[in-house]
Protein backbone atom coordinates (compact mmCIF):
# COMPACT_ATOMS: atom_id res chain seq x y z
CA UNK A 1 -32.51 -35.77 7.01
CA UNK A 2 -33.79 -36.62 10.49
CA UNK A 3 -31.89 -34.81 13.25
CA UNK A 4 -31.33 -36.70 16.50
CA UNK A 5 -32.98 -35.37 19.64
CA UNK A 6 -30.65 -34.10 22.32
CA UNK A 7 -31.76 -34.60 25.92
CA UNK A 8 -32.93 -31.56 27.85
CA UNK A 9 -29.93 -31.29 30.21
CA UNK A 10 -27.44 -31.50 27.36
CA UNK A 11 -29.46 -29.02 25.27
CA UNK A 12 -29.47 -26.56 28.18
CA UNK A 13 -25.70 -26.96 28.59
CA UNK A 14 -25.12 -26.34 24.87
CA UNK A 15 -27.31 -23.24 24.92
CA UNK A 16 -25.48 -22.01 28.01
CA UNK A 17 -22.10 -22.50 26.33
CA UNK A 18 -23.27 -20.73 23.18
CA UNK A 19 -24.75 -17.92 25.28
CA UNK A 20 -21.20 -16.62 25.53
CA UNK A 21 -20.50 -14.22 22.65
CA UNK A 22 -16.92 -15.40 22.19
CA UNK A 23 -17.86 -19.08 21.98
CA UNK A 24 -20.78 -18.34 19.66
CA UNK A 25 -18.46 -16.34 17.40
CA UNK A 26 -15.90 -19.16 17.41
CA UNK A 27 -18.60 -21.65 16.38
CA UNK A 28 -19.85 -19.30 13.66
CA UNK A 29 -16.32 -18.92 12.26
CA UNK A 30 -15.74 -22.68 12.40
CA UNK A 31 -18.93 -23.13 10.39
CA UNK A 32 -17.03 -21.58 7.47
CA UNK A 33 -13.45 -22.74 8.04
CA UNK A 34 -11.15 -24.57 10.42
CA UNK A 35 -8.82 -22.44 12.51
CA UNK A 36 -5.73 -22.58 14.66
CA UNK A 37 -5.69 -20.71 17.99
CA UNK A 38 -3.33 -18.09 16.55
CA UNK A 39 -5.96 -17.22 13.93
CA UNK A 40 -8.53 -16.51 16.64
CA UNK A 41 -6.07 -14.08 18.21
CA UNK A 42 -6.67 -11.85 15.18
CA UNK A 43 -10.40 -11.68 15.95
CA UNK A 44 -10.60 -11.51 19.74
CA UNK A 45 -8.88 -9.09 22.07
CA UNK A 46 -7.81 -11.78 24.52
CA UNK A 47 -4.87 -13.97 25.29
CA UNK A 48 -4.09 -17.32 23.70
CA UNK A 49 -4.80 -19.16 26.99
CA UNK A 50 -8.25 -17.52 27.18
CA UNK A 51 -9.11 -18.58 23.63
CA UNK A 52 -7.81 -22.07 24.36
CA UNK A 53 -10.12 -22.27 27.39
CA UNK A 54 -13.14 -21.39 25.23
CA UNK A 55 -12.11 -24.00 22.67
CA UNK A 56 -11.62 -26.61 25.39
CA UNK A 57 -15.16 -26.03 26.69
CA UNK A 58 -16.56 -26.41 23.17
CA UNK A 59 -14.49 -29.54 22.60
CA UNK A 60 -15.47 -31.07 25.94
CA UNK A 61 -19.13 -30.53 25.00
CA UNK A 62 -18.56 -32.36 21.71
CA UNK A 63 -19.23 -29.37 19.45
CA UNK A 64 -15.67 -28.93 18.23
CA UNK A 65 -12.98 -31.39 17.25
CA UNK A 66 -9.27 -30.86 16.97
CA UNK A 67 -6.68 -32.21 14.60
CA UNK A 68 -3.00 -32.08 15.43
CA UNK A 69 -0.66 -31.19 12.58
CA UNK A 70 2.88 -31.27 13.87
CA UNK A 71 2.97 -29.04 16.92
CA UNK A 72 -0.18 -27.13 15.93
CA UNK A 73 -3.82 -27.94 16.58
CA UNK A 74 -6.58 -27.00 14.15
CA UNK A 75 -10.19 -26.77 15.28
CA UNK A 76 -13.35 -27.47 13.30
CA UNK A 77 -17.01 -28.21 13.95
CA UNK A 78 -17.63 -31.81 14.91
CA UNK A 79 -19.99 -32.86 12.13
CA UNK A 80 -20.23 -36.38 13.60
CA UNK A 81 -21.66 -35.09 16.87
CA UNK A 82 -25.34 -35.56 17.68
CA UNK A 83 -25.24 -31.82 18.44
CA UNK A 84 -24.32 -30.83 14.90
CA UNK A 85 -27.93 -30.41 13.74
CA UNK A 86 -28.75 -28.26 16.75
CA UNK A 87 -25.67 -26.12 16.14
CA UNK A 88 -26.59 -25.68 12.48
CA UNK A 89 -30.10 -24.59 13.49
CA UNK A 90 -28.71 -22.02 15.93
CA UNK A 91 -26.18 -20.69 13.40
CA UNK A 92 -28.97 -20.03 10.88
CA UNK A 93 -29.93 -17.13 13.14
CA UNK A 94 -26.39 -15.78 13.70
CA UNK A 95 -24.86 -13.09 11.50
CA UNK A 96 -22.28 -14.21 8.95
CA UNK A 97 -18.71 -13.87 10.23
CA UNK A 98 -17.20 -13.02 6.85
CA UNK A 99 -15.57 -9.82 8.16
CA UNK A 100 -13.78 -11.69 10.93
CA UNK A 101 -12.66 -14.36 8.48
CA UNK A 102 -11.31 -11.60 6.20
CA UNK A 103 -9.36 -10.24 9.21
CA UNK A 104 -7.80 -13.66 9.71
CA UNK A 105 -6.96 -14.14 6.05
CA UNK A 106 -5.62 -10.59 5.60
CA UNK A 107 -3.18 -10.80 8.50
CA UNK A 108 -2.31 -14.46 7.77
CA UNK A 109 -1.18 -15.21 11.34
CA UNK A 110 -0.21 -18.77 10.44
CA UNK A 111 2.91 -17.38 8.77
CA UNK A 112 4.00 -15.79 12.06
CA UNK A 113 3.18 -18.68 14.37
CA UNK A 114 4.29 -21.40 11.99
CA UNK A 115 1.02 -23.30 11.76
């Protein structure tokens, strides 16, 4: 499958965004499963507004999409984005986030927040 080229300025912006460990971890988790903000609270030692800011930056860049289900928003990788191939290439070099996903699934925060 031929991957679309992404212009240099946009590529630099994507690499800058993914240069942040939190955002790179979020993308790596979303490679394996969609998540609600409350689920990311189990993985990161930060507030919900901070996580939401990271997600907003990723969404504004076109890397992440959101789906509203009732009052909750679920995030996933935007597979329709021209950036998806680039993100996949980057994630091939990032450690698997299985342990963080196990943390999410073990604590099952969606039961507490009502997602």
